[in-house]
Amino acid sequence: MNPHSSSSSPATATEIRDIIGPLEDDVIERIMSTGATSAEVLDAYTWRRSDQRLQRTPHYELHGRAAHVLAILETEEPDVDE
């Protein structure tokens, strides 16, 4: 993540790829259209990969832009257990 970017600024394509890895340009554009910050993208990606999510832990759910990013990731990466 760029140390000079504001934590409340929307994530850039480079920041998204740094967090998630290689994605198609249209997926990056969809994530960017949510206005999610790098922290929200990281939260969504971390939640997507977490054991708590796989166990459906009820005490934590994503909200707002992070939830939108998660929904995009779930449509683009249906097989999380590779």
Protein backbone atom coordinates (compact mmCIF):
# COMPACT_ATOMS: atom_id res chain seq x y z
CA MET A 1 0.00 0.00 0.00
CA ASN A 2 1.20 3.50 -0.80
CA PRO A 3 2.30 5.17 2.43
CA HIS A 4 1.33 8.56 0.99
CA SER A 5 -2.29 7.69 0.25
CA SER A 6 -4.99 8.71 2.65
CA SER A 7 -6.63 5.87 4.53
CA SER A 8 -10.02 7.23 3.50
CA SER A 9 -9.18 7.44 -0.21
CA PRO A 10 -10.60 4.80 -2.53
CA ALA A 11 -8.17 2.01 -3.34
CA THR A 12 -6.30 2.23 -6.61
CA ALA A 13 -6.03 -0.63 -9.09
CA THR A 14 -2.43 -1.18 -8.00
CA GLU A 15 -3.41 -1.33 -4.32
CA ILE A 16 -6.21 -3.80 -5.07
CA ARG A 17 -3.83 -6.04 -7.02
CA ASP A 18 -1.24 -5.77 -4.24
CA ILE A 19 -3.85 -7.03 -1.76
CA ILE A 20 -5.74 -9.61 -3.80
CA GLY A 21 -3.37 -10.56 -6.56
CA PRO A 22 -3.92 -10.68 -10.30
CA LEU A 23 -7.50 -9.93 -11.35
CA GLU A 24 -9.11 -9.08 -14.66
CA ASP A 25 -9.43 -5.36 -15.36
CA ASP A 26 -13.23 -5.51 -15.26
CA VAL A 27 -13.15 -7.01 -11.75
CA ILE A 28 -10.75 -4.28 -10.61
CA GLU A 29 -13.11 -1.68 -12.08
CA ARG A 30 -16.08 -3.20 -10.26
CA ILE A 31 -14.17 -3.13 -6.96
CA MET A 32 -13.05 0.44 -7.58
CA SER A 33 -16.64 1.46 -8.35
CA THR A 34 -17.59 0.57 -4.76
CA GLY A 35 -15.33 3.36 -3.48
CA ALA A 36 -13.74 0.92 -1.03
CA THR A 37 -10.52 1.94 0.65
CA SER A 38 -7.47 -0.31 0.72
CA ALA A 39 -8.40 -1.24 4.30
CA GLU A 40 -11.90 -2.27 3.21
CA VAL A 41 -10.53 -4.31 0.31
CA LEU A 42 -8.09 -6.00 2.68
CA ASP A 43 -10.89 -6.66 5.18
CA ALA A 44 -13.06 -8.26 2.48
CA TYR A 45 -10.19 -10.35 1.11
CA THR A 46 -9.10 -11.45 4.58
CA TRP A 47 -12.67 -12.36 5.53
CA ARG A 48 -13.05 -14.31 2.26
CA ARG A 49 -9.97 -16.38 3.11
CA SER A 50 -10.67 -16.81 6.85
CA ASP A 51 -11.62 -19.94 8.72
CA GLN A 52 -14.25 -17.98 10.65
CA ARG A 53 -16.11 -17.29 7.41
CA LEU A 54 -15.92 -20.93 6.42
CA GLN A 55 -17.35 -21.87 9.81
CA ARG A 56 -20.05 -19.20 9.42
CA THR A 57 -19.08 -17.46 12.65
CA PRO A 58 -22.13 -15.32 13.46
CA HIS A 59 -20.46 -12.67 15.61
CA TYR A 60 -18.76 -10.90 12.71
CA GLU A 61 -20.04 -9.82 9.33
CA LEU A 62 -18.77 -7.34 6.81
CA HIS A 63 -20.81 -4.24 6.15
CA GLY A 64 -20.84 -1.39 3.68
CA ARG A 65 -18.23 -1.20 0.96
CA ALA A 66 -16.25 -4.16 2.32
CA ALA A 67 -19.38 -6.31 1.97
CA HIS A 68 -19.75 -5.15 -1.65
CA VAL A 69 -16.13 -6.06 -2.36
CA LEU A 70 -16.71 -9.48 -0.77
CA ALA A 71 -19.73 -10.05 -3.01
CA ILE A 72 -17.63 -9.21 -6.08
CA LEU A 73 -14.86 -11.56 -4.97
CA GLU A 74 -17.35 -14.35 -4.34
CA THR A 75 -18.70 -14.08 -7.89
CA GLU A 76 -15.22 -13.98 -9.39
CA GLU A 77 -13.46 -16.55 -7.18
CA PRO A 78 -16.07 -19.19 -6.31
CA ASP A 79 -13.50 -21.80 -5.24
CA VAL A 80 -11.78 -20.30 -2.21
CA ASP A 81 -10.28 -23.65 -1.05
CA GLU A 82 -7.78 -24.22 -3.85
